[in-house]
Protein backbone atom coordinates (compact mmCIF):
# COMPACT_ATOMS: atom_id res chain seq x y z
CA MET A 1 -154.45 -67.11 18.06
CA GLN A 2 -157.43 -69.28 17.22
CA GLU A 3 -157.46 -68.41 13.51
CA PHE A 4 -153.99 -69.91 13.14
CA ASN A 5 -155.12 -73.25 14.58
CA ASP A 6 -158.32 -73.19 12.52
CA LEU A 7 -156.36 -72.56 9.30
CA CYS A 8 -153.81 -75.25 10.17
CA ASP A 9 -156.55 -77.76 10.95
CA HIS A 10 -158.36 -76.93 7.71
CA ALA A 11 -155.14 -77.23 5.68
CA ARG A 12 -154.44 -80.60 7.34
CA ASP A 13 -157.94 -81.82 6.52
CA GLN A 14 -157.87 -80.58 2.92
CA PHE A 15 -154.24 -81.24 1.93
CA GLY A 16 -152.97 -83.80 4.44
CA ILE A 17 -150.19 -81.55 5.75
CA ASP A 18 -150.04 -80.10 9.26
CA ILE A 19 -147.54 -77.25 9.09
CA ARG A 20 -147.33 -77.24 12.89
CA LYS A 21 -145.50 -80.58 12.56
CA VAL A 22 -144.02 -80.49 9.05
CA LYS A 23 -141.10 -78.08 8.71
CA SER A 24 -140.22 -78.99 5.11
CA ARG A 25 -139.04 -76.27 2.75
CA LYS A 26 -140.51 -78.02 -0.29
CA GLY A 27 -143.67 -77.50 -2.34
CA GLU A 28 -146.93 -77.93 -0.49
CA PRO A 29 -145.83 -77.11 3.07
CA VAL A 30 -144.28 -73.87 1.82
CA ARG A 31 -147.43 -72.94 -0.10
CA ILE A 32 -149.57 -73.67 2.95
CA ARG A 33 -147.34 -71.65 5.29
CA HIS A 34 -147.26 -68.79 2.79
CA SER A 35 -151.06 -68.85 2.45
CA ILE A 36 -151.67 -69.00 6.19
CA GLY A 37 -149.14 -66.27 6.91
CA THR A 38 -150.65 -64.01 4.29
CA LEU A 39 -154.22 -64.64 5.47
CA LEU A 40 -153.37 -64.03 9.11
CA SER A 41 -151.71 -60.76 8.18
CA PHE A 42 -154.06 -59.39 5.52
CA LYS A 43 -157.45 -60.90 6.36
CA TYR A 44 -157.27 -61.23 10.14
CA GLY A 45 -155.10 -58.17 10.80
CA TYR A 46 -152.35 -59.72 12.90
CA SER A 47 -148.98 -57.98 12.94
CA VAL A 48 -146.07 -59.51 11.05
CA THR A 49 -144.43 -60.23 14.42
CA GLU A 50 -147.51 -62.08 15.73
CA VAL A 51 -147.80 -64.13 12.54
CA GLY A 52 -144.08 -64.87 12.53
CA ASN A 53 -144.28 -66.10 16.12
CA ALA A 54 -147.24 -68.35 15.30
CA LEU A 55 -145.44 -69.86 12.28
CA GLY A 56 -142.09 -70.05 14.05
CA VAL A 57 -140.34 -67.73 11.61
CA ASP A 58 -138.87 -64.25 11.72
CA HIS A 59 -141.21 -61.33 11.02
CA THR A 60 -139.23 -60.55 7.85
CA THR A 61 -140.42 -63.86 6.40
CA ILE A 62 -143.99 -62.63 6.77
CA VAL A 63 -143.06 -59.35 5.10
CA TYR A 64 -141.68 -61.45 2.23
CA TYR A 65 -144.86 -63.57 2.08
CA ARG A 66 -146.93 -60.41 1.82
CA SER A 67 -144.73 -58.92 -0.89
CA MET A 68 -144.81 -62.12 -2.98
CA HIS A 69 -148.50 -62.94 -2.55
CA ILE A 70 -149.87 -61.33 -5.72
CA HIS A 71 -147.08 -62.73 -7.89
CA ARG A 72 -147.50 -66.26 -6.53
CA TYR A 73 -151.28 -66.01 -6.74
CA LYS A 74 -151.06 -65.10 -10.43
CA THR A 75 -148.29 -67.52 -11.44
CA ASP A 76 -148.62 -70.61 -9.23
CA PRO A 77 -151.96 -72.41 -9.75
CA ARG A 78 -151.36 -74.73 -6.79
CA TYR A 79 -150.71 -71.78 -4.45
CA THR A 80 -153.87 -70.10 -5.79
CA LYS A 81 -155.94 -73.20 -5.01
CA ILE A 82 -154.52 -73.56 -1.50
CA TYR A 83 -154.99 -69.88 -0.75
CA ASN A 84 -158.59 -69.89 -2.02
CA VAL A 85 -159.49 -73.01 -0.03
CA LEU A 86 -158.04 -71.52 3.16
CA ASP A 87 -159.53 -68.08 2.47
CA ASN A 88 -162.99 -69.65 2.32
CA LEU A 89 -162.58 -71.44 5.64
CA ASP A 90 -165.63 -69.77 7.18
CA SER A 91 -167.97 -70.86 4.38
CA ASN A 92 -166.59 -74.30 3.56
CA ASP A 93 -167.12 -77.80 4.84
CA LYS A 94 -168.73 -77.11 8.19
CA SER A 95 -171.70 -75.32 6.69
CA LEU A 96 -172.00 -77.98 3.98
CA ASP A 97 -171.93 -80.71 6.62
CA GLU A 98 -174.65 -78.91 8.56
CA ILE A 99 -176.79 -78.61 5.44
CA LEU A 100 -176.36 -82.30 4.63
CA LYS A 101 -177.36 -83.26 8.18
CA LEU A 102 -180.49 -81.14 7.87
CA ILE A 103 -181.33 -82.70 4.50
CA ASN A 104 -180.87 -86.19 5.92
CA ASN A 105 -183.27 -85.38 8.75
CA ILE A 106 -186.10 -84.42 6.39
CA PRO A 107 -188.85 -87.07 6.69
C-alpha cells in the first residue's frame, strides 16, 4: 500500500517520527498513527483490516480511530495539525519545491 509509505515518509519528514520504527504509546507517535489510520480508511478507502495490517494493529483499533477522529480533531490542536499536514500530502512540499526550482531557473 503505497499511500501508507508516503504518509509515513511525510510524517517522518515533517515531525521527525517514523511510526514504522517507533512503537511508542505516547503523544506524537499515537497522533501520527491515528491520523494515518484514519486517512487510509476514510480518504483512501482501505478496509479496517488492511489499515490494521499496515499499522501492525488489530482492525478494532482502526474502528476506534475512526470513531474518535471527530472528537480528537475538535479537542486536540496537535492532532488537528498533524492530521491536516498529512491530509494535504498531495499538495504540500513537493509541489512547492518544484515551484521554487522553476523560479530559480528564471533568467
